[in-house]
Amino acid sequence: MPLFGPYVYVNKKKEKFYLHAESRGKRVLYYFTKEPAGALSNLPPGLEVFENPKSNIPMLRKKKPSIFSGILPNLKKEKE
């Protein structure tokens, strides 16, 4: 088990879910369970957790770019 423990997500119902990963060929399948054994210590880069509003189950998705990510590079170019 990692030094700081597994990655835990607590949903709106105060249930704890632990992040796991499984390799399937060239792909990696990420999923949440209520079992802490074998859980990952942190989120994979470029992904974020969101909660399904109907089932309250956590899921992973690609991070959405910030509205400022497209604006800030343009502001730097204008100043130069």
PDB file of N, CA and C in Angstrom:
ATOM      1  N   MET A   1       0.844  -1.181   0.000  1.00  0.00           N
ATOM      2  CA  MET A   1       0.000   0.000   0.000  1.00  0.00           C
ATOM      3  C   MET A   1       0.889   1.244   0.000  1.00  0.00           C
ATOM      4  N   PRO A   2       0.539   2.282  -0.749  1.00  0.00           N
ATOM      5  CA  PRO A   2       1.358   3.489  -0.817  1.00  0.00           C
ATOM      6  C   PRO A   2       1.480   4.188   0.533  1.00  0.00           C
ATOM      7  N   LEU A   3       2.460   5.059   0.609  1.00  0.00           N
ATOM      8  CA  LEU A   3       2.735   5.771   1.846  1.00  0.00           C
ATOM      9  C   LEU A   3       1.540   6.586   2.336  1.00  0.00           C
ATOM     10  N   PHE A   4       0.856   7.255   1.440  1.00  0.00           N
ATOM     11  CA  PHE A   4      -0.255   8.115   1.829  1.00  0.00           C
ATOM     12  C   PHE A   4      -1.618   7.454   1.644  1.00  0.00           C
ATOM     13  N   GLY A   5      -1.669   6.217   1.252  1.00  0.00           N
ATOM     14  CA  GLY A   5      -2.917   5.499   1.111  1.00  0.00           C
ATOM     15  C   GLY A   5      -3.494   5.590  -0.283  1.00  0.00           C
ATOM     16  N   PRO A   6      -4.564   4.870  -0.515  1.00  0.00           N
ATOM     17  CA  PRO A   6      -5.179   4.838  -1.853  1.00  0.00           C
ATOM     18  C   PRO A   6      -5.987   6.102  -2.140  1.00  0.00           C
ATOM     19  N   TYR A   7      -6.279   6.305  -3.439  1.00  0.00           N
ATOM     20  CA  TYR A   7      -7.122   7.428  -3.845  1.00  0.00           C
ATOM     21  C   TYR A   7      -8.567   7.103  -3.466  1.00  0.00           C
ATOM     22  N   VAL A   8      -9.184   7.993  -2.704  1.00  0.00           N
ATOM     23  CA  VAL A   8     -10.554   7.783  -2.221  1.00  0.00           C
ATOM     24  C   VAL A   8     -11.434   8.915  -2.725  1.00  0.00           C
ATOM     25  N   TYR A   9     -12.624   8.554  -3.223  1.00  0.00           N
ATOM     26  CA  TYR A   9     -13.630   9.547  -3.608  1.00  0.00           C
ATOM     27  C   TYR A   9     -14.856   9.293  -2.741  1.00  0.00           C
ATOM     28  N   VAL A  10     -15.376  10.346  -2.113  1.00  0.00           N
ATOM     29  CA  VAL A  10     -16.575  10.240  -1.287  1.00  0.00           C
ATOM     30  C   VAL A  10     -17.708  10.929  -2.040  1.00  0.00           C
ATOM     31  N   ASN A  11     -18.778  10.173  -2.324  1.00  0.00           N
ATOM     32  CA  ASN A  11     -19.890  10.746  -3.093  1.00  0.00           C
ATOM     33  C   ASN A  11     -20.856  11.515  -2.199  1.00  0.00           C
ATOM     34  N   LYS A  12     -21.940  11.987  -2.787  1.00  0.00           N
ATOM     35  CA  LYS A  12     -22.910  12.806  -2.056  1.00  0.00           C
ATOM     36  C   LYS A  12     -23.612  12.034  -0.944  1.00  0.00           C
ATOM     37  N   LYS A  13     -23.667  10.709  -1.067  1.00  0.00           N
ATOM     38  CA  LYS A  13     -24.285   9.868  -0.039  1.00  0.00           C
ATOM     39  C   LYS A  13     -23.282   9.463   1.039  1.00  0.00           C
ATOM     40  N   LYS A  14     -22.088  10.041   1.007  1.00  0.00           N
ATOM     41  CA  LYS A  14     -21.003   9.767   1.959  1.00  0.00           C
ATOM     42  C   LYS A  14     -20.465   8.341   1.855  1.00  0.00           C
ATOM     43  N   GLU A  15     -20.553   7.740   0.655  1.00  0.00           N
ATOM     44  CA  GLU A  15     -19.989   6.421   0.419  1.00  0.00           C
ATOM     45  C   GLU A  15     -18.570   6.595  -0.121  1.00  0.00           C
ATOM     46  N   LYS A  16     -17.645   5.735   0.315  1.00  0.00           N
ATOM     47  CA  LYS A  16     -16.268   5.798  -0.145  1.00  0.00           C
ATOM     48  C   LYS A  16     -16.059   4.856  -1.319  1.00  0.00           C
ATOM     49  N   PHE A  17     -15.369   5.359  -2.356  1.00  0.00           N
ATOM     50  CA  PHE A  17     -15.018   4.568  -3.525  1.00  0.00           C
ATOM     51  C   PHE A  17     -13.514   4.685  -3.756  1.00  0.00           C
ATOM     52  N   TYR A  18     -12.879   3.574  -4.117  1.00  0.00           N
ATOM     53  CA  TYR A  18     -11.436   3.512  -4.337  1.00  0.00           C
ATOM     54  C   TYR A  18     -11.158   3.267  -5.814  1.00  0.00           C
ATOM     55  N   LEU A  19     -10.154   3.961  -6.344  1.00  0.00           N
ATOM     56  CA  LEU A  19      -9.807   3.887  -7.754  1.00  0.00           C
ATOM     57  C   LEU A  19      -8.904   2.686  -8.023  1.00  0.00           C
ATOM     58  N   HIS A  20      -9.265   1.885  -9.020  1.00  0.00           N
ATOM     59  CA  HIS A  20      -8.501   0.712  -9.433  1.00  0.00           C
ATOM     60  C   HIS A  20      -8.209   0.806 -10.923  1.00  0.00           C
ATOM     61  N   ALA A  21      -7.237   0.005 -11.382  1.00  0.00           N
ATOM     62  CA  ALA A  21      -6.891  -0.041 -12.805  1.00  0.00           C
ATOM     63  C   ALA A  21      -6.642  -1.487 -13.211  1.00  0.00           C
ATOM     64  N   GLU A  22      -6.968  -1.778 -14.464  1.00  0.00           N
ATOM     65  CA  GLU A  22      -6.774  -3.108 -15.016  1.00  0.00           C
ATOM     66  C   GLU A  22      -6.321  -2.963 -16.464  1.00  0.00           C
ATOM     67  N   SER A  23      -5.267  -3.676 -16.829  1.00  0.00           N
ATOM     68  CA  SER A  23      -4.770  -3.621 -18.211  1.00  0.00           C
ATOM     69  C   SER A  23      -5.556  -4.575 -19.086  1.00  0.00           C
ATOM     70  N   ARG A  24      -5.961  -4.077 -20.233  1.00  0.00           N
ATOM     71  CA  ARG A  24      -6.658  -4.899 -21.233  1.00  0.00           C
ATOM     72  C   ARG A  24      -5.989  -4.660 -22.574  1.00  0.00           C
ATOM     73  N   GLY A  25      -4.977  -5.463 -22.852  1.00  0.00           N
ATOM     74  CA  GLY A  25      -4.213  -5.264 -24.081  1.00  0.00           C
ATOM     75  C   GLY A  25      -3.400  -3.991 -23.968  1.00  0.00           C
ATOM     76  N   LYS A  26      -3.587  -3.082 -24.907  1.00  0.00           N
ATOM     77  CA  LYS A  26      -2.862  -1.808 -24.896  1.00  0.00           C
ATOM     78  C   LYS A  26      -3.574  -0.741 -24.081  1.00  0.00           C
ATOM     79  N   ARG A  27      -4.786  -1.018 -23.662  1.00  0.00           N
ATOM     80  CA  ARG A  27      -5.581  -0.040 -22.921  1.00  0.00           C
ATOM     81  C   ARG A  27      -5.564  -0.331 -21.426  1.00  0.00           C
ATOM     82  N   VAL A  28      -5.831   0.708 -20.658  1.00  0.00           N
ATOM     83  CA  VAL A  28      -5.961   0.563 -19.210  1.00  0.00           C
ATOM     84  C   VAL A  28      -7.386   0.956 -18.845  1.00  0.00           C
ATOM     85  N   LEU A  29      -8.058   0.095 -18.121  1.00  0.00           N
ATOM     86  CA  LEU A  29      -9.429   0.332 -17.690  1.00  0.00           C
ATOM     87  C   LEU A  29      -9.393   0.822 -16.245  1.00  0.00           C
ATOM     88  N   TYR A  30      -9.932   2.013 -15.995  1.00  0.00           N
ATOM     89  CA  TYR A  30     -10.006   2.569 -14.644  1.00  0.00           C
ATOM     90  C   TYR A  30     -11.436   2.421 -14.151  1.00  0.00           C
ATOM     91  N   TYR A  31     -11.572   2.040 -12.880  1.00  0.00           N
ATOM     92  CA  TYR A  31     -12.904   1.869 -12.305  1.00  0.00           C
ATOM     93  C   TYR A  31     -12.843   2.089 -10.798  1.00  0.00           C
ATOM     94  N   PHE A  32     -13.992   2.368 -10.199  1.00  0.00           N
ATOM     95  CA  PHE A  32     -14.109   2.586  -8.760  1.00  0.00           C
ATOM     96  C   PHE A  32     -14.837   1.407  -8.120  1.00  0.00           C
ATOM     97  N   THR A  33     -14.355   0.990  -6.943  1.00  0.00           N
ATOM     98  CA  THR A  33     -15.027  -0.028  -6.144  1.00  0.00           C
ATOM     99  C   THR A  33     -15.034   0.432  -4.685  1.00  0.00           C
ATOM    100  N   LYS A  34     -15.735  -0.301  -3.864  1.00  0.00           N
ATOM    101  CA  LYS A  34     -15.762  -0.006  -2.433  1.00  0.00           C
ATOM    102  C   LYS A  34     -14.671  -0.768  -1.678  1.00  0.00           C
ATOM    103  N   GLU A  35     -13.864  -1.551  -2.388  1.00  0.00           N
ATOM    104  CA  GLU A  35     -12.765  -2.322  -1.793  1.00  0.00           C
ATOM    105  C   GLU A  35     -11.456  -1.530  -1.869  1.00  0.00           C
ATOM    106  N   PRO A  36     -10.779  -1.293  -0.746  1.00  0.00           N
ATOM    107  CA  PRO A  36      -9.531  -0.537  -0.788  1.00  0.00           C
ATOM    108  C   PRO A  36      -8.317  -1.362  -1.245  1.00  0.00           C
ATOM    109  N   ALA A  37      -8.390  -2.679  -1.201  1.00  0.00           N
ATOM    110  CA  ALA A  37      -7.247  -3.525  -1.544  1.00  0.00           C
ATOM    111  C   ALA A  37      -6.880  -3.370  -3.025  1.00  0.00           C
ATOM    112  N   GLY A  38      -5.619  -3.028  -3.278  1.00  0.00           N
ATOM    113  CA  GLY A  38      -5.127  -2.903  -4.645  1.00  0.00           C
ATOM    114  C   GLY A  38      -5.473  -1.601  -5.331  1.00  0.00           C
ATOM    115  N   ALA A  39      -5.915  -0.607  -4.584  1.00  0.00           N
ATOM    116  CA  ALA A  39      -6.317   0.670  -5.177  1.00  0.00           C
ATOM    117  C   ALA A  39      -5.099   1.497  -5.576  1.00  0.00           C
ATOM    118  N   LEU A  40      -5.274   2.372  -6.554  1.00  0.00           N
ATOM    119  CA  LEU A  40      -4.211   3.282  -6.991  1.00  0.00           C
ATOM    120  C   LEU A  40      -4.030   4.396  -5.966  1.00  0.00           C
ATOM    121  N   SER A  41      -2.835   4.968  -5.936  1.00  0.00           N
ATOM    122  CA  SER A  41      -2.558   6.017  -4.955  1.00  0.00           C
ATOM    123  C   SER A  41      -2.963   7.410  -5.422  1.00  0.00           C
ATOM    124  N   ASN A  42      -3.109   7.603  -6.738  1.00  0.00           N
ATOM    125  CA  ASN A  42      -3.517   8.930  -7.229  1.00  0.00           C
ATOM    126  C   ASN A  42      -4.199   8.805  -8.580  1.00  0.00           C
ATOM    127  N   LEU A  43      -4.771   9.900  -9.021  1.00  0.00           N
ATOM    128  CA  LEU A  43      -5.452   9.942 -10.322  1.00  0.00           C
ATOM    129  C   LEU A  43      -4.440   9.915 -11.459  1.00  0.00           C
ATOM    130  N   PRO A  44      -4.782   9.279 -12.566  1.00  0.00           N
ATOM    131  CA  PRO A  44      -3.913   9.350 -13.740  1.00  0.00           C
ATOM    132  C   PRO A  44      -3.894  10.785 -14.282  1.00  0.00           C
ATOM    133  N   PRO A  45      -2.769  11.208 -14.854  1.00  0.00           N
ATOM    134  CA  PRO A  45      -2.700  12.585 -15.375  1.00  0.00           C
ATOM    135  C   PRO A  45      -3.672  12.795 -16.528  1.00  0.00           C
ATOM    136  N   GLY A  46      -4.281  13.980 -16.534  1.00  0.00           N
ATOM    137  CA  GLY A  46      -5.197  14.343 -17.608  1.00  0.00           C
ATOM    138  C   GLY A  46      -6.623  13.879 -17.397  1.00  0.00           C
ATOM    139  N   LEU A  47      -6.908  13.225 -16.261  1.00  0.00           N
ATOM    140  CA  LEU A  47      -8.259  12.749 -15.976  1.00  0.00           C
ATOM    141  C   LEU A  47      -8.796  13.406 -14.716  1.00  0.00           C
ATOM    142  N   GLU A  48     -10.128  13.497 -14.636  1.00  0.00           N
ATOM    143  CA  GLU A  48     -10.785  14.044 -13.455  1.00  0.00           C
ATOM    144  C   GLU A  48     -11.968  13.167 -13.088  1.00  0.00           C
ATOM    145  N   VAL A  49     -12.412  13.274 -11.845  1.00  0.00           N
ATOM    146  CA  VAL A  49     -13.537  12.485 -11.361  1.00  0.00           C
ATOM    147  C   VAL A  49     -14.806  13.314 -11.468  1.00  0.00           C
ATOM    148  N   PHE A  50     -15.875  12.673 -11.931  1.00  0.00           N
ATOM    149  CA  PHE A  50     -17.195  13.296 -11.868  1.00  0.00           C
ATOM    150  C   PHE A  50     -18.174  12.247 -11.365  1.00  0.00           C
ATOM    151  N   GLU A  51     -19.261  12.704 -10.815  1.00  0.00           N
ATOM    152  CA  GLU A  51     -20.248  11.809 -10.224  1.00  0.00           C
ATOM    153  C   GLU A  51     -21.494  11.766 -11.105  1.00  0.00           C
ATOM    154  N   ASN A  52     -21.924  10.549 -11.437  1.00  0.00           N
ATOM    155  CA  ASN A  52     -23.144  10.380 -12.210  1.00  0.00           C
ATOM    156  C   ASN A  52     -24.300  10.918 -11.376  1.00  0.00           C
ATOM    157  N   PRO A  53     -25.051  11.902 -11.866  1.00  0.00           N
ATOM    158  CA  PRO A  53     -26.108  12.506 -11.049  1.00  0.00           C
ATOM    159  C   PRO A  53     -27.258  11.566 -10.707  1.00  0.00           C
ATOM    160  N   LYS A  54     -27.493  10.551 -11.516  1.00  0.00           N
ATOM    161  CA  LYS A  54     -28.596   9.623 -11.243  1.00  0.00           C
ATOM    162  C   LYS A  54     -28.204   8.518 -10.276  1.00  0.00           C
ATOM    163  N   SER A  55     -26.991   7.951 -10.454  1.00  0.00           N
ATOM    164  CA  SER A  55     -26.599   6.797  -9.642  1.00  0.00           C
ATOM    165  C   SER A  55     -25.611   7.142  -8.532  1.00  0.00           C
ATOM    166  N   ASN A  56     -25.060   8.356  -8.533  1.00  0.00           N
ATOM    167  CA  ASN A  56     -24.055   8.802  -7.561  1.00  0.00           C
ATOM    168  C   ASN A  56     -22.788   7.958  -7.593  1.00  0.00           C
ATOM    169  N   ILE A  57     -22.506   7.308  -8.715  1.00  0.00           N
ATOM    170  CA  ILE A  57     -21.292   6.512  -8.862  1.00  0.00           C
ATOM    171  C   ILE A  57     -20.218   7.386  -9.506  1.00  0.00           C
ATOM    172  N   PRO A  58     -19.006   7.401  -8.940  1.00  0.00           N
ATOM    173  CA  PRO A  58     -17.943   8.206  -9.543  1.00  0.00           C
ATOM    174  C   PRO A  58     -17.411   7.566 -10.817  1.00  0.00           C
ATOM    175  N   MET A  59     -16.990   8.415 -11.756  1.00  0.00           N
ATOM    176  CA  MET A  59     -16.428   7.970 -13.030  1.00  0.00           C
ATOM    177  C   MET A  59     -15.293   8.909 -13.392  1.00  0.00           C
ATOM    178  N   LEU A  60     -14.427   8.455 -14.293  1.00  0.00           N
ATOM    179  CA  LEU A  60     -13.333   9.286 -14.771  1.00  0.00           C
ATOM    180  C   LEU A  60     -13.643   9.800 -16.169  1.00  0.00           C
ATOM    181  N   ARG A  61     -13.141  10.996 -16.465  1.00  0.00           N
ATOM    182  CA  ARG A  61     -13.242  11.561 -17.802  1.00  0.00           C
ATOM    183  C   ARG A  61     -12.021  12.441 -18.031  1.00  0.00           C
ATOM    184  N   LYS A  62     -11.778  12.777 -19.291  1.00  0.00           N
ATOM    185  CA  LYS A  62     -10.680  13.685 -19.609  1.00  0.00           C
ATOM    186  C   LYS A  62     -10.986  15.050 -19.022  1.00  0.00           C
ATOM    187  N   LYS A  63      -9.949  15.716 -18.529  1.00  0.00           N
ATOM    188  CA  LYS A  63     -10.134  17.059 -17.986  1.00  0.00           C
ATOM    189  C   LYS A  63     -10.582  17.994 -19.093  1.00  0.00           C
ATOM    190  N   LYS A  64     -11.549  18.814 -18.769  1.00  0.00           N
ATOM    191  CA  LYS A  64     -12.010  19.811 -19.716  1.00  0.00           C
ATOM    192  C   LYS A  64     -11.076  21.006 -19.646  1.00  0.00           C
ATOM    193  N   PRO A  65     -10.679  21.558 -20.785  1.00  0.00           N
ATOM    194  CA  PRO A  65      -9.785  22.713 -20.741  1.00  0.00           C
ATOM    195  C   PRO A  65     -10.477  23.908 -20.103  1.00  0.00           C
ATOM    196  N   SER A  66      -9.714  24.671 -19.390  1.00  0.00           N
ATOM    197  CA  SER A  66     -10.219  25.870 -18.746  1.00  0.00           C
ATOM    198  C   SER A  66     -10.542  26.922 -19.815  1.00  0.00           C
ATOM    199  N   ILE A  67     -11.490  27.784 -19.525  1.00  0.00           N
ATOM    200  CA  ILE A  67     -11.818  28.840 -20.479  1.00  0.00           C
ATOM    201  C   ILE A  67     -10.652  29.815 -20.623  1.00  0.00           C
ATOM    202  N   PHE A  68      -9.757  29.842 -19.637  1.00  0.00           N
ATOM    203  CA  PHE A  68      -8.613  30.740 -19.678  1.00  0.00           C
ATOM    204  C   PHE A  68      -7.443  30.155 -20.459  1.00  0.00           C
ATOM    205  N   SER A  69      -7.443  28.847 -20.711  1.00  0.00           N
ATOM    206  CA  SER A  69      -6.300  28.237 -21.391  1.00  0.00           C
ATOM    207  C   SER A  69      -6.128  28.762 -22.808  1.00  0.00           C
ATOM    208  N   GLY A  70      -7.205  29.130 -23.472  1.00  0.00           N
ATOM    209  CA  GLY A  70      -7.102  29.684 -24.818  1.00  0.00           C
ATOM    210  C   GLY A  70      -6.838  31.176 -24.830  1.00  0.00           C
ATOM    211  N   ILE A  71      -7.184  31.866 -23.760  1.00  0.00           N
ATOM    212  CA  ILE A  71      -7.051  33.319 -23.700  1.00  0.00           C
ATOM    213  C   ILE A  71      -5.646  33.732 -23.274  1.00  0.00           C
ATOM    214  N   LEU A  72      -5.096  33.076 -22.265  1.00  0.00           N
ATOM    215  CA  LEU A  72      -3.824  33.506 -21.706  1.00  0.00           C
ATOM    216  C   LEU A  72      -2.662  33.465 -22.700  1.00  0.00           C
ATOM    217  N   PRO A  73      -2.499  32.419 -23.520  1.00  0.00           N
ATOM    218  CA  PRO A  73      -1.402  32.459 -24.489  1.00  0.00           C
ATOM    219  C   PRO A  73      -1.513  33.632 -25.468  1.00  0.00           C
ATOM    220  N   ASN A  74      -2.734  34.005 -25.839  1.00  0.00           N
ATOM    221  CA  ASN A  74      -2.943  35.119 -26.766  1.00  0.00           C
ATOM    222  C   ASN A  74      -2.580  36.446 -26.124  1.00  0.00           C
ATOM    223  N   LEU A  75      -2.843  36.595 -24.830  1.00  0.00           N
ATOM    224  CA  LEU A  75      -2.505  37.831 -24.134  1.00  0.00           C
ATOM    225  C   LEU A  75      -0.996  38.012 -24.060  1.00  0.00           C
ATOM    226  N   LYS A  76      -0.251  36.928 -23.853  1.00  0.00           N
ATOM    227  CA  LYS A  76       1.201  37.017 -23.784  1.00  0.00           C
ATOM    228  C   LYS A  76       1.770  37.453 -25.130  1.00  0.00           C
ATOM    229  N   LYS A  77       1.221  36.950 -26.228  1.00  0.00           N
ATOM    230  CA  LYS A  77       1.702  37.295 -27.559  1.00  0.00           C
ATOM    231  C   LYS A  77       1.465  38.775 -27.871  1.00  0.00           C
ATOM    232  N   GLU A  78       0.316  39.307 -27.422  1.00  0.00           N
ATOM    233  CA  GLU A  78      -0.016  40.706 -27.705  1.00  0.00           C
ATOM    234  C   GLU A  78       0.925  41.664 -26.984  1.00  0.00           C
ATOM    235  N   LYS A  79       1.391  41.301 -25.795  1.00  0.00           N
ATOM    236  CA  LYS A  79       2.271  42.167 -25.013  1.00  0.00           C
ATOM    237  C   LYS A  79       3.670  42.234 -25.596  1.00  0.00           C
ATOM    238  N   GLU A  80       4.100  41.201 -26.300  1.00  0.00           N
ATOM    239  CA  GLU A  80       5.470  41.159 -26.832  1.00  0.00           C
ATOM    240  C   GLU A  80       5.648  42.014 -28.026  1.00  0.00           C
TER     241      GLU A  80
END
